[in-house]
Amino acid sequence: VFYYQKEPYQPPSGRFKERVTWDGNIERNDVSIIIWNLQPTDNGTFTCQVTNWPDVYGTIGEVRLRVVQKVSFSEIHFLAIAIGSASVLMIIVVTVVIICRQRRKKAQKKRTEVADTEL
């Protein structure tokens, strides 16, 4: 992905060509890089091998790269509208059911009162 020997060298080819930049600090033993414009196809497990004289047999690190897609505002907006609409619909349905039950109880109470007065 990236080479550094006394100075950083951009990779001449490869999957990250023109998308990787040096971000480390050799004096602090920092060999960080930044990879730009990542795509889901960039997912994978990569090895990090730093060979620094005299320790040329250092350990090889492993980096797992997972690229997830950013949700755009329109998708979040659509989801919020859908949830909000469903909530409002549920409130309306519950309100209608409560009103219908109260009207039935009132009608039944009137019928009971009329029946009692007839007797």
PDB file of N, CA and C in Angstrom:
ATOM      1  N   VAL A   1       0.830  -1.191   0.000  1.00  0.00           N
ATOM      2  CA  VAL A   1       0.000   0.000   0.000  1.00  0.00           C
ATOM      3  C   VAL A   1       0.867   1.244   0.000  1.00  0.00           C
ATOM      4  N   PHE A   2       1.925   1.267   0.824  1.00  0.00           N
ATOM      5  CA  PHE A   2       2.738   2.466   0.932  1.00  0.00           C
ATOM      6  C   PHE A   2       4.163   2.077   1.323  1.00  0.00           C
ATOM      7  N   TYR A   3       5.129   2.818   0.808  1.00  0.00           N
ATOM      8  CA  TYR A   3       6.531   2.563   1.131  1.00  0.00           C
ATOM      9  C   TYR A   3       7.163   3.831   1.682  1.00  0.00           C
ATOM     10  N   TYR A   4       8.056   3.627   2.653  1.00  0.00           N
ATOM     11  CA  TYR A   4       8.777   4.741   3.236  1.00  0.00           C
ATOM     12  C   TYR A   4      10.212   4.291   3.434  1.00  0.00           C
ATOM     13  N   GLN A   5      11.125   4.984   2.794  1.00  0.00           N
ATOM     14  CA  GLN A   5      12.541   4.714   3.007  1.00  0.00           C
ATOM     15  C   GLN A   5      13.242   6.062   2.982  1.00  0.00           C
ATOM     16  N   LYS A   6      13.491   6.595   4.159  1.00  0.00           N
ATOM     17  CA  LYS A   6      14.030   7.939   4.377  1.00  0.00           C
ATOM     18  C   LYS A   6      13.030   9.029   4.005  1.00  0.00           C
ATOM     19  N   GLU A   7      12.107   8.745   3.157  1.00  0.00           N
ATOM     20  CA  GLU A   7      11.025   9.653   2.796  1.00  0.00           C
ATOM     21  C   GLU A   7       9.874   8.825   2.231  1.00  0.00           C
ATOM     22  N   PRO A   8       8.663   9.362   2.282  1.00  0.00           N
ATOM     23  CA  PRO A   8       7.517   8.588   1.785  1.00  0.00           C
ATOM     24  C   PRO A   8       7.504   8.505   0.263  1.00  0.00           C
ATOM     25  N   TYR A   9       7.121   7.342  -0.241  1.00  0.00           N
ATOM     26  CA  TYR A   9       7.006   7.119  -1.688  1.00  0.00           C
ATOM     27  C   TYR A   9       5.557   6.755  -2.015  1.00  0.00           C
ATOM     28  N   GLN A  10       4.962   7.512  -2.891  1.00  0.00           N
ATOM     29  CA  GLN A  10       3.616   7.182  -3.346  1.00  0.00           C
ATOM     30  C   GLN A  10       3.675   5.877  -4.130  1.00  0.00           C
ATOM     31  N   PRO A  11       2.701   4.992  -3.947  1.00  0.00           N
ATOM     32  CA  PRO A  11       2.722   3.740  -4.709  1.00  0.00           C
ATOM     33  C   PRO A  11       2.477   4.019  -6.197  1.00  0.00           C
ATOM     34  N   PRO A  12       3.300   3.436  -7.067  1.00  0.00           N
ATOM     35  CA  PRO A  12       3.116   3.658  -8.506  1.00  0.00           C
ATOM     36  C   PRO A  12       1.930   2.894  -9.083  1.00  0.00           C
ATOM     37  N   SER A  13       1.464   1.869  -8.363  1.00  0.00           N
ATOM     38  CA  SER A  13       0.325   1.077  -8.827  1.00  0.00           C
ATOM     39  C   SER A  13      -0.348   0.462  -7.607  1.00  0.00           C
ATOM     40  N   GLY A  14      -1.380  -0.308  -7.854  1.00  0.00           N
ATOM     41  CA  GLY A  14      -2.068  -0.984  -6.763  1.00  0.00           C
ATOM     42  C   GLY A  14      -3.446  -0.397  -6.514  1.00  0.00           C
ATOM     43  N   ARG A  15      -4.180  -1.051  -5.636  1.00  0.00           N
ATOM     44  CA  ARG A  15      -5.581  -0.678  -5.425  1.00  0.00           C
ATOM     45  C   ARG A  15      -5.754   0.665  -4.726  1.00  0.00           C
ATOM     46  N   PHE A  16      -4.720   1.162  -4.041  1.00  0.00           N
ATOM     47  CA  PHE A  16      -4.836   2.443  -3.347  1.00  0.00           C
ATOM     48  C   PHE A  16      -4.027   3.553  -4.011  1.00  0.00           C
ATOM     49  N   LYS A  17      -3.606   3.327  -5.247  1.00  0.00           N
ATOM     50  CA  LYS A  17      -2.815   4.330  -5.974  1.00  0.00           C
ATOM     51  C   LYS A  17      -3.590   5.656  -6.011  1.00  0.00           C
ATOM     52  N   GLU A  18      -2.908   6.736  -5.674  1.00  0.00           N
ATOM     53  CA  GLU A  18      -3.441   8.095  -5.670  1.00  0.00           C
ATOM     54  C   GLU A  18      -4.544   8.299  -4.622  1.00  0.00           C
ATOM     55  N   ARG A  19      -4.681   7.348  -3.683  1.00  0.00           N
ATOM     56  CA  ARG A  19      -5.669   7.498  -2.613  1.00  0.00           C
ATOM     57  C   ARG A  19      -5.038   7.348  -1.242  1.00  0.00           C
ATOM     58  N   VAL A  20      -3.720   7.271  -1.167  1.00  0.00           N
ATOM     59  CA  VAL A  20      -3.052   7.060   0.115  1.00  0.00           C
ATOM     60  C   VAL A  20      -1.984   8.146   0.310  1.00  0.00           C
ATOM     61  N   THR A  21      -1.920   8.657   1.538  1.00  0.00           N
ATOM     62  CA  THR A  21      -0.908   9.663   1.861  1.00  0.00           C
ATOM     63  C   THR A  21      -0.250   9.307   3.186  1.00  0.00           C
ATOM     64  N   TRP A  22       0.987   9.741   3.336  1.00  0.00           N
ATOM     65  CA  TRP A  22       1.754   9.517   4.558  1.00  0.00           C
ATOM     66  C   TRP A  22       1.251  10.456   5.637  1.00  0.00           C
ATOM     67  N   ASP A  23       1.064   9.927   6.863  1.00  0.00           N
ATOM     68  CA  ASP A  23       0.596  10.745   7.974  1.00  0.00           C
ATOM     69  C   ASP A  23       1.372  10.436   9.248  1.00  0.00           C
ATOM     70  N   GLY A  24       2.475   9.735   9.116  1.00  0.00           N
ATOM     71  CA  GLY A  24       3.231   9.307  10.288  1.00  0.00           C
ATOM     72  C   GLY A  24       4.327  10.264  10.688  1.00  0.00           C
ATOM     73  N   ASN A  25       5.039   9.880  11.750  1.00  0.00           N
ATOM     74  CA  ASN A  25       6.164  10.642  12.260  1.00  0.00           C
ATOM     75  C   ASN A  25       7.220   9.634  12.691  1.00  0.00           C
ATOM     76  N   ILE A  26       8.266   9.520  11.902  1.00  0.00           N
ATOM     77  CA  ILE A  26       9.303   8.509  12.154  1.00  0.00           C
ATOM     78  C   ILE A  26       9.948   8.722  13.518  1.00  0.00           C
ATOM     79  N   GLU A  27      10.135   9.959  13.927  1.00  0.00           N
ATOM     80  CA  GLU A  27      10.777  10.233  15.215  1.00  0.00           C
ATOM     81  C   GLU A  27       9.948   9.723  16.390  1.00  0.00           C
ATOM     82  N   ARG A  28       8.660   9.595  16.207  1.00  0.00           N
ATOM     83  CA  ARG A  28       7.783   9.083  17.263  1.00  0.00           C
ATOM     84  C   ARG A  28       7.371   7.630  17.007  1.00  0.00           C
ATOM     85  N   ASN A  29       8.037   6.966  16.084  1.00  0.00           N
ATOM     86  CA  ASN A  29       7.740   5.581  15.711  1.00  0.00           C
ATOM     87  C   ASN A  29       6.301   5.429  15.223  1.00  0.00           C
ATOM     88  N   ASP A  30       5.821   6.427  14.533  1.00  0.00           N
ATOM     89  CA  ASP A  30       4.455   6.435  14.008  1.00  0.00           C
ATOM     90  C   ASP A  30       4.530   6.236  12.496  1.00  0.00           C
ATOM     91  N   VAL A  31       3.940   5.160  12.026  1.00  0.00           N
ATOM     92  CA  VAL A  31       3.955   4.866  10.585  1.00  0.00           C
ATOM     93  C   VAL A  31       2.536   4.907  10.018  1.00  0.00           C
ATOM     94  N   SER A  32       1.785   5.908  10.423  1.00  0.00           N
ATOM     95  CA  SER A  32       0.392   6.016  10.002  1.00  0.00           C
ATOM     96  C   SER A  32       0.273   6.488   8.559  1.00  0.00           C
ATOM     97  N   ILE A  33      -0.782   5.999   7.923  1.00  0.00           N
ATOM     98  CA  ILE A  33      -1.135   6.460   6.581  1.00  0.00           C
ATOM     99  C   ILE A  33      -2.627   6.797   6.586  1.00  0.00           C
ATOM    100  N   ILE A  34      -3.034   7.581   5.610  1.00  0.00           N
ATOM    101  CA  ILE A  34      -4.450   7.890   5.425  1.00  0.00           C
ATOM    102  C   ILE A  34      -4.845   7.403   4.046  1.00  0.00           C
ATOM    103  N   ILE A  35      -5.939   6.669   3.989  1.00  0.00           N
ATOM    104  CA  ILE A  35      -6.469   6.195   2.704  1.00  0.00           C
ATOM    105  C   ILE A  35      -7.751   6.965   2.437  1.00  0.00           C
ATOM    106  N   TRP A  36      -7.828   7.605   1.290  1.00  0.00           N
ATOM    107  CA  TRP A  36      -8.945   8.463   0.919  1.00  0.00           C
ATOM    108  C   TRP A  36      -9.921   7.745   0.002  1.00  0.00           C
ATOM    109  N   ASN A  37     -11.134   8.251  -0.053  1.00  0.00           N
ATOM    110  CA  ASN A  37     -12.165   7.775  -0.992  1.00  0.00           C
ATOM    111  C   ASN A  37     -12.341   6.258  -0.927  1.00  0.00           C
ATOM    112  N   LEU A  38     -12.559   5.759   0.266  1.00  0.00           N
ATOM    113  CA  LEU A  38     -12.739   4.318   0.430  1.00  0.00           C
ATOM    114  C   LEU A  38     -14.072   3.862  -0.150  1.00  0.00           C
ATOM    115  N   GLN A  39     -14.070   2.669  -0.685  1.00  0.00           N
ATOM    116  CA  GLN A  39     -15.251   2.048  -1.266  1.00  0.00           C
ATOM    117  C   GLN A  39     -15.471   0.705  -0.564  1.00  0.00           C
ATOM    118  N   PRO A  40     -16.699   0.170  -0.604  1.00  0.00           N
ATOM    119  CA  PRO A  40     -16.928  -1.142   0.007  1.00  0.00           C
ATOM    120  C   PRO A  40     -16.025  -2.242  -0.568  1.00  0.00           C
ATOM    121  N   THR A  41     -15.584  -2.088  -1.781  1.00  0.00           N
ATOM    122  CA  THR A  41     -14.688  -3.094  -2.367  1.00  0.00           C
ATOM    123  C   THR A  41     -13.299  -3.061  -1.743  1.00  0.00           C
ATOM    124  N   ASP A  42     -12.990  -2.024  -0.957  1.00  0.00           N
ATOM    125  CA  ASP A  42     -11.695  -1.932  -0.278  1.00  0.00           C
ATOM    126  C   ASP A  42     -11.661  -2.739   1.019  1.00  0.00           C
ATOM    127  N   ASN A  43     -12.803  -3.306   1.439  1.00  0.00           N
ATOM    128  CA  ASN A  43     -12.840  -4.113   2.656  1.00  0.00           C
ATOM    129  C   ASN A  43     -11.803  -5.218   2.574  1.00  0.00           C
ATOM    130  N   GLY A  44     -11.196  -5.519   3.694  1.00  0.00           N
ATOM    131  CA  GLY A  44     -10.257  -6.633   3.700  1.00  0.00           C
ATOM    132  C   GLY A  44      -9.360  -6.594   4.918  1.00  0.00           C
ATOM    133  N   THR A  45      -8.497  -7.580   5.007  1.00  0.00           N
ATOM    134  CA  THR A  45      -7.504  -7.672   6.058  1.00  0.00           C
ATOM    135  C   THR A  45      -6.149  -7.428   5.429  1.00  0.00           C
ATOM    136  N   PHE A  46      -5.420  -6.490   5.980  1.00  0.00           N
ATOM    137  CA  PHE A  46      -4.128  -6.108   5.430  1.00  0.00           C
ATOM    138  C   PHE A  46      -3.049  -6.329   6.473  1.00  0.00           C
ATOM    139  N   THR A  47      -1.841  -6.600   6.022  1.00  0.00           N
ATOM    140  CA  THR A  47      -0.721  -6.753   6.945  1.00  0.00           C
ATOM    141  C   THR A  47       0.076  -5.460   6.979  1.00  0.00           C
ATOM    142  N   CYS A  48       0.627  -5.180   8.133  1.00  0.00           N
ATOM    143  CA  CYS A  48       1.454  -3.997   8.317  1.00  0.00           C
ATOM    144  C   CYS A  48       2.831  -4.497   8.723  1.00  0.00           C
ATOM    145  N   GLN A  49       3.777  -4.338   7.828  1.00  0.00           N
ATOM    146  CA  GLN A  49       5.122  -4.826   8.096  1.00  0.00           C
ATOM    147  C   GLN A  49       6.073  -3.644   8.092  1.00  0.00           C
ATOM    148  N   VAL A  50       6.705  -3.414   9.221  1.00  0.00           N
ATOM    149  CA  VAL A  50       7.667  -2.332   9.337  1.00  0.00           C
ATOM    150  C   VAL A  50       9.027  -2.974   9.573  1.00  0.00           C
ATOM    151  N   THR A  51       9.929  -2.762   8.646  1.00  0.00           N
ATOM    152  CA  THR A  51      11.290  -3.264   8.822  1.00  0.00           C
ATOM    153  C   THR A  51      12.199  -2.063   9.034  1.00  0.00           C
ATOM    154  N   ASN A  52      12.747  -1.981  10.218  1.00  0.00           N
ATOM    155  CA  ASN A  52      13.558  -0.855  10.614  1.00  0.00           C
ATOM    156  C   ASN A  52      14.892  -1.386  11.115  1.00  0.00           C
ATOM    157  N   TRP A  53      15.950  -0.966  10.466  1.00  0.00           N
ATOM    158  CA  TRP A  53      17.269  -1.456  10.837  1.00  0.00           C
ATOM    159  C   TRP A  53      17.578  -1.066  12.262  1.00  0.00           C
ATOM    160  N   PRO A  54      18.081  -1.857  13.117  1.00  0.00           N
ATOM    161  CA  PRO A  54      18.554  -3.228  12.945  1.00  0.00           C
ATOM    162  C   PRO A  54      17.474  -4.271  13.174  1.00  0.00           C
ATOM    163  N   ASP A  55      16.276  -3.857  13.510  1.00  0.00           N
ATOM    164  CA  ASP A  55      15.203  -4.802  13.797  1.00  0.00           C
ATOM    165  C   ASP A  55      14.466  -5.161  12.510  1.00  0.00           C
ATOM    166  N   VAL A  56      15.124  -5.882  11.620  1.00  0.00           N
ATOM    167  CA  VAL A  56      14.501  -6.213  10.336  1.00  0.00           C
ATOM    168  C   VAL A  56      13.544  -7.388  10.451  1.00  0.00           C
ATOM    169  N   TYR A  57      13.533  -8.058  11.583  1.00  0.00           N
ATOM    170  CA  TYR A  57      12.650  -9.214  11.773  1.00  0.00           C
ATOM    171  C   TYR A  57      11.521  -8.881  12.753  1.00  0.00           C
ATOM    172  N   GLY A  58      11.005  -7.676  12.681  1.00  0.00           N
ATOM    173  CA  GLY A  58       9.934  -7.250  13.584  1.00  0.00           C
ATOM    174  C   GLY A  58       8.646  -8.013  13.312  1.00  0.00           C
ATOM    175  N   THR A  59       7.711  -7.841  14.207  1.00  0.00           N
ATOM    176  CA  THR A  59       6.435  -8.530  14.058  1.00  0.00           C
ATOM    177  C   THR A  59       5.619  -7.881  12.936  1.00  0.00           C
ATOM    178  N   ILE A  60       4.768  -8.677  12.347  1.00  0.00           N
ATOM    179  CA  ILE A  60       3.902  -8.197  11.275  1.00  0.00           C
ATOM    180  C   ILE A  60       2.522  -7.967  11.873  1.00  0.00           C
ATOM    181  N   GLY A  61       2.037  -6.753  11.724  1.00  0.00           N
ATOM    182  CA  GLY A  61       0.729  -6.417  12.265  1.00  0.00           C
ATOM    183  C   GLY A  61      -0.364  -6.749  11.267  1.00  0.00           C
ATOM    184  N   GLU A  62      -1.577  -6.793  11.781  1.00  0.00           N
ATOM    185  CA  GLU A  62      -2.730  -7.078  10.939  1.00  0.00           C
ATOM    186  C   GLU A  62      -3.762  -5.986  11.149  1.00  0.00           C
ATOM    187  N   VAL A  63      -4.261  -5.439  10.057  1.00  0.00           N
ATOM    188  CA  VAL A  63      -5.249  -4.371  10.110  1.00  0.00           C
ATOM    189  C   VAL A  63      -6.474  -4.827   9.343  1.00  0.00           C
ATOM    190  N   ARG A  64      -7.634  -4.746   9.990  1.00  0.00           N
ATOM    191  CA  ARG A  64      -8.887  -5.084   9.310  1.00  0.00           C
ATOM    192  C   ARG A  64      -9.585  -3.789   8.923  1.00  0.00           C
ATOM    193  N   LEU A  65      -9.860  -3.672   7.664  1.00  0.00           N
ATOM    194  CA  LEU A  65     -10.512  -2.479   7.140  1.00  0.00           C
ATOM    195  C   LEU A  65     -11.937  -2.824   6.766  1.00  0.00           C
ATOM    196  N   ARG A  66     -12.882  -2.122   7.398  1.00  0.00           N
ATOM    197  CA  ARG A  66     -14.300  -2.304   7.082  1.00  0.00           C
ATOM    198  C   ARG A  66     -14.855  -0.961   6.628  1.00  0.00           C
ATOM    199  N   VAL A  67     -15.356  -0.948   5.419  1.00  0.00           N
ATOM    200  CA  VAL A  67     -15.930   0.265   4.863  1.00  0.00           C
ATOM    201  C   VAL A  67     -17.446   0.128   4.914  1.00  0.00           C
ATOM    202  N   VAL A  68     -18.102   1.083   5.552  1.00  0.00           N
ATOM    203  CA  VAL A  68     -19.559   1.092   5.592  1.00  0.00           C
ATOM    204  C   VAL A  68     -20.043   2.329   4.859  1.00  0.00           C
ATOM    205  N   GLN A  69     -21.187   2.210   4.232  1.00  0.00           N
ATOM    206  CA  GLN A  69     -21.706   3.335   3.476  1.00  0.00           C
ATOM    207  C   GLN A  69     -22.353   4.332   4.406  1.00  0.00           C
ATOM    208  N   LYS A  70     -22.116   5.585   4.133  1.00  0.00           N
ATOM    209  CA  LYS A  70     -22.706   6.669   4.896  1.00  0.00           C
ATOM    210  C   LYS A  70     -24.149   6.831   4.452  1.00  0.00           C
ATOM    211  N   VAL A  71     -25.046   6.991   5.409  1.00  0.00           N
ATOM    212  CA  VAL A  71     -26.451   7.187   5.080  1.00  0.00           C
ATOM    213  C   VAL A  71     -26.633   8.647   4.688  1.00  0.00           C
ATOM    214  N   SER A  72     -27.209   8.858   3.552  1.00  0.00           N
ATOM    215  CA  SER A  72     -27.416  10.228   3.102  1.00  0.00           C
ATOM    216  C   SER A  72     -28.591  10.853   3.844  1.00  0.00           C
ATOM    217  N   PHE A  73     -28.665  12.160   3.814  1.00  0.00           N
ATOM    218  CA  PHE A  73     -29.722  12.888   4.515  1.00  0.00           C
ATOM    219  C   PHE A  73     -31.090  12.475   4.010  1.00  0.00           C
ATOM    220  N   SER A  74     -31.227  12.260   2.711  1.00  0.00           N
ATOM    221  CA  SER A  74     -32.539  11.928   2.163  1.00  0.00           C
ATOM    222  C   SER A  74     -33.045  10.592   2.712  1.00  0.00           C
ATOM    223  N   GLU A  75     -32.164   9.630   2.919  1.00  0.00           N
ATOM    224  CA  GLU A  75     -32.583   8.349   3.474  1.00  0.00           C
ATOM    225  C   GLU A  75     -33.016   8.512   4.936  1.00  0.00           C
ATOM    226  N   ILE A  76     -32.291   9.306   5.697  1.00  0.00           N
ATOM    227  CA  ILE A  76     -32.670   9.552   7.085  1.00  0.00           C
ATOM    228  C   ILE A  76     -33.996  10.312   7.120  1.00  0.00           C
ATOM    229  N   HIS A  77     -34.143  11.278   6.248  1.00  0.00           N
ATOM    230  CA  HIS A  77     -35.379  12.063   6.175  1.00  0.00           C
ATOM    231  C   HIS A  77     -36.558  11.153   5.843  1.00  0.00           C
ATOM    232  N   PHE A  78     -36.380  10.282   4.875  1.00  0.00           N
ATOM    233  CA  PHE A  78     -37.433   9.342   4.490  1.00  0.00           C
ATOM    234  C   PHE A  78     -37.797   8.430   5.657  1.00  0.00           C
ATOM    235  N   LEU A  79     -36.802   7.934   6.362  1.00  0.00           N
ATOM    236  CA  LEU A  79     -37.050   7.055   7.509  1.00  0.00           C
ATOM    237  C   LEU A  79     -37.804   7.799   8.605  1.00  0.00           C
ATOM    238  N   ALA A  80     -37.428   9.040   8.871  1.00  0.00           N
ATOM    239  CA  ALA A  80     -38.115   9.831   9.896  1.00  0.00           C
ATOM    240  C   ALA A  80     -39.572  10.071   9.509  1.00  0.00           C
ATOM    241  N   ILE A  81     -39.819  10.362   8.238  1.00  0.00           N
ATOM    242  CA  ILE A  81     -41.191  10.582   7.771  1.00  0.00           C
ATOM    243  C   ILE A  81     -42.007   9.296   7.901  1.00  0.00           C
ATOM    244  N   ALA A  82     -41.420   8.172   7.543  1.00  0.00           N
ATOM    245  CA  ALA A  82     -42.135   6.900   7.632  1.00  0.00           C
ATOM    246  C   ALA A  82     -42.492   6.572   9.080  1.00  0.00           C
ATOM    247  N   ILE A  83     -41.551   6.742   9.984  1.00  0.00           N
ATOM    248  CA  ILE A  83     -41.818   6.446  11.399  1.00  0.00           C
ATOM    249  C   ILE A  83     -42.837   7.429  11.957  1.00  0.00           C
ATOM    250  N   GLY A  84     -42.687   8.705  11.617  1.00  0.00           N
ATOM    251  CA  GLY A  84     -43.636   9.708  12.088  1.00  0.00           C
ATOM    252  C   GLY A  84     -45.044   9.448  11.577  1.00  0.00           C
ATOM    253  N   SER A  85     -45.162   9.104  10.304  1.00  0.00           N
ATOM    254  CA  SER A  85     -46.476   8.815   9.717  1.00  0.00           C
ATOM    255  C   SER A  85     -47.122   7.605  10.377  1.00  0.00           C
ATOM    256  N   ALA A  86     -46.332   6.571  10.607  1.00  0.00           N
ATOM    257  CA  ALA A  86     -46.867   5.372  11.260  1.00  0.00           C
ATOM    258  C   ALA A  86     -47.332   5.696  12.678  1.00  0.00           C
ATOM    259  N   SER A  87     -46.583   6.528  13.372  1.00  0.00           N
ATOM    260  CA  SER A  87     -46.977   6.909  14.733  1.00  0.00           C
ATOM    261  C   SER A  87     -48.283   7.692  14.731  1.00  0.00           C
ATOM    262  N   VAL A  88     -48.407   8.649  13.829  1.00  0.00           N
ATOM    263  CA  VAL A  88     -49.634   9.452  13.734  1.00  0.00           C
ATOM    264  C   VAL A  88     -50.817   8.557  13.380  1.00  0.00           C
ATOM    265  N   LEU A  89     -50.617   7.630  12.453  1.00  0.00           N
ATOM    266  CA  LEU A  89     -51.679   6.706  12.067  1.00  0.00           C
ATOM    267  C   LEU A  89     -52.134   5.863  13.259  1.00  0.00           C
ATOM    268  N   MET A  90     -51.183   5.378  14.045  1.00  0.00           N
ATOM    269  CA  MET A  90     -51.534   4.584  15.220  1.00  0.00           C
ATOM    270  C   MET A  90     -52.329   5.418  16.226  1.00  0.00           C
ATOM    271  N   ILE A  91     -51.945   6.667  16.424  1.00  0.00           N
ATOM    272  CA  ILE A  91     -52.667   7.538  17.354  1.00  0.00           C
ATOM    273  C   ILE A  91     -54.095   7.756  16.865  1.00  0.00           C
ATOM    274  N   ILE A  92     -54.259   7.969  15.572  1.00  0.00           N
ATOM    275  CA  ILE A  92     -55.602   8.170  14.999  1.00  0.00           C
ATOM    276  C   ILE A  92     -56.455   6.924  15.194  1.00  0.00           C
ATOM    277  N   VAL A  93     -55.885   5.755  14.921  1.00  0.00           N
ATOM    278  CA  VAL A  93     -56.640   4.499  15.065  1.00  0.00           C
ATOM    279  C   VAL A  93     -57.056   4.299  16.520  1.00  0.00           C
ATOM    280  N   VAL A  94     -56.156   4.521  17.461  1.00  0.00           N
ATOM    281  CA  VAL A  94     -56.482   4.345  18.874  1.00  0.00           C
ATOM    282  C   VAL A  94     -57.566   5.340  19.293  1.00  0.00           C
ATOM    283  N   THR A  95     -57.470   6.584  18.825  1.00  0.00           N
ATOM    284  CA  THR A  95     -58.477   7.596  19.154  1.00  0.00           C
ATOM    285  C   THR A  95     -59.851   7.207  18.612  1.00  0.00           C
ATOM    286  N   VAL A  96     -59.908   6.735  17.374  1.00  0.00           N
ATOM    287  CA  VAL A  96     -61.182   6.314  16.774  1.00  0.00           C
ATOM    288  C   VAL A  96     -61.775   5.146  17.549  1.00  0.00           C
ATOM    289  N   VAL A  97     -60.963   4.192  17.942  1.00  0.00           N
ATOM    290  CA  VAL A  97     -61.453   3.040  18.709  1.00  0.00           C
ATOM    291  C   VAL A  97     -62.018   3.496  20.050  1.00  0.00           C
ATOM    292  N   ILE A  98     -61.335   4.396  20.722  1.00  0.00           N
ATOM    293  CA  ILE A  98     -61.814   4.889  22.022  1.00  0.00           C
ATOM    294  C   ILE A  98     -63.138   5.629  21.852  1.00  0.00           C
ATOM    295  N   ILE A  99     -63.245   6.489  20.848  1.00  0.00           N
ATOM    296  CA  ILE A  99     -64.489   7.233  20.601  1.00  0.00           C
ATOM    297  C   ILE A  99     -65.636   6.284  20.291  1.00  0.00           C
ATOM    298  N   CYS A 100     -65.382   5.285  19.452  1.00  0.00           N
ATOM    299  CA  CYS A 100     -66.439   4.307  19.114  1.00  0.00           C
ATOM    300  C   CYS A 100     -66.911   3.564  20.363  1.00  0.00           C
ATOM    301  N   ARG A 101     -66.016   3.161  21.225  1.00  0.00           N
ATOM    302  CA  ARG A 101     -66.395   2.449  22.446  1.00  0.00           C
ATOM    303  C   ARG A 101     -67.243   3.345  23.358  1.00  0.00           C
ATOM    304  N   GLN A 102     -66.842   4.610  23.484  1.00  0.00           N
ATOM    305  CA  GLN A 102     -67.610   5.516  24.337  1.00  0.00           C
ATOM    306  C   GLN A 102     -69.014   5.728  23.781  1.00  0.00           C
ATOM    307  N   ARG A 103     -69.137   5.882  22.480  1.00  0.00           N
ATOM    308  CA  ARG A 103     -70.465   6.060  21.873  1.00  0.00           C
ATOM    309  C   ARG A 103     -71.329   4.816  22.069  1.00  0.00           C
ATOM    310  N   ARG A 104     -70.728   3.630  21.944  1.00  0.00           N
ATOM    311  CA  ARG A 104     -71.484   2.396  22.170  1.00  0.00           C
ATOM    312  C   ARG A 104     -71.974   2.319  23.607  1.00  0.00           C
ATOM    313  N   LYS A 105     -71.099   2.678  24.539  1.00  0.00           N
ATOM    314  CA  LYS A 105     -71.498   2.644  25.957  1.00  0.00           C
ATOM    315  C   LYS A 105     -72.643   3.610  26.217  1.00  0.00           C
ATOM    316  N   LYS A 106     -72.570   4.827  25.622  1.00  0.00           N
ATOM    317  CA  LYS A 106     -73.648   5.805  25.795  1.00  0.00           C
ATOM    318  C   LYS A 106     -74.947   5.291  25.188  1.00  0.00           C
ATOM    319  N   ALA A 107     -74.867   4.721  23.991  1.00  0.00           N
ATOM    320  CA  ALA A 107     -76.068   4.186  23.334  1.00  0.00           C
ATOM    321  C   ALA A 107     -76.655   3.043  24.147  1.00  0.00           C
ATOM    322  N   GLN A 108     -75.806   2.175  24.672  1.00  0.00           N
ATOM    323  CA  GLN A 108     -76.288   1.055  25.482  1.00  0.00           C
ATOM    324  C   GLN A 108     -76.917   1.560  26.781  1.00  0.00           C
ATOM    325  N   LYS A 109     -76.326   2.599  27.366  1.00  0.00           N
ATOM    326  CA  LYS A 109     -76.865   3.178  28.587  1.00  0.00           C
ATOM    327  C   LYS A 109     -78.246   3.787  28.329  1.00  0.00           C
ATOM    328  N   LYS A 110     -78.388   4.467  27.165  1.00  0.00           N
ATOM    329  CA  LYS A 110     -79.698   5.045  26.811  1.00  0.00           C
ATOM    330  C   LYS A 110     -80.736   3.950  26.626  1.00  0.00           C
ATOM    331  N   ARG A 111     -80.347   2.866  25.952  1.00  0.00           N
ATOM    332  CA  ARG A 111     -81.286   1.753  25.741  1.00  0.00           C
ATOM    333  C   ARG A 111     -81.716   1.148  27.072  1.00  0.00           C
ATOM    334  N   THR A 112     -80.761   1.037  27.990  1.00  0.00           N
ATOM    335  CA  THR A 112     -81.062   0.487  29.309  1.00  0.00           C
ATOM    336  C   THR A 112     -82.025   1.410  30.065  1.00  0.00           C
ATOM    337  N   GLU A 113     -81.781   2.732  29.970  1.00  0.00           N
ATOM    338  CA  GLU A 113     -82.665   3.695  30.645  1.00  0.00           C
ATOM    339  C   GLU A 113     -84.074   3.661  30.049  1.00  0.00           C
ATOM    340  N   VAL A 114     -84.166   3.569  28.709  1.00  0.00           N
ATOM    341  CA  VAL A 114     -85.470   3.504  28.047  1.00  0.00           C
ATOM    342  C   VAL A 114     -86.183   2.230  28.450  1.00  0.00           C
ATOM    343  N   ALA A 115     -85.481   1.118  28.499  1.00  0.00           N
ATOM    344  CA  ALA A 115     -86.088  -0.145  28.882  1.00  0.00           C
ATOM    345  C   ALA A 115     -86.577  -0.106  30.319  1.00  0.00           C
ATOM    346  N   ASP A 116     -85.791   0.558  31.207  1.00  0.00           N
ATOM    347  CA  ASP A 116     -86.187   0.677  32.618  1.00  0.00           C
ATOM    348  C   ASP A 116     -87.431   1.560  32.776  1.00  0.00           C
ATOM    349  N   THR A 117     -87.537   2.615  31.991  1.00  0.00           N
ATOM    350  CA  THR A 117     -88.691   3.505  32.101  1.00  0.00           C
ATOM    351  C   THR A 117     -89.937   2.831  31.536  1.00  0.00           C
ATOM    352  N   GLU A 118     -89.815   1.968  30.565  1.00  0.00           N
ATOM    353  CA  GLU A 118     -90.964   1.257  30.002  1.00  0.00           C
ATOM    354  C   GLU A 118     -91.499   0.239  30.974  1.00  0.00           C
ATOM    355  N   LEU A 119     -90.640  -0.325  31.778  1.00  0.00           N
ATOM    356  CA  LEU A 119     -91.092  -1.331  32.730  1.00  0.00           C
ATOM    357  C   LEU A 119     -91.796  -0.645  33.867  1.00  0.00           C
TER     358      LEU A 119
END
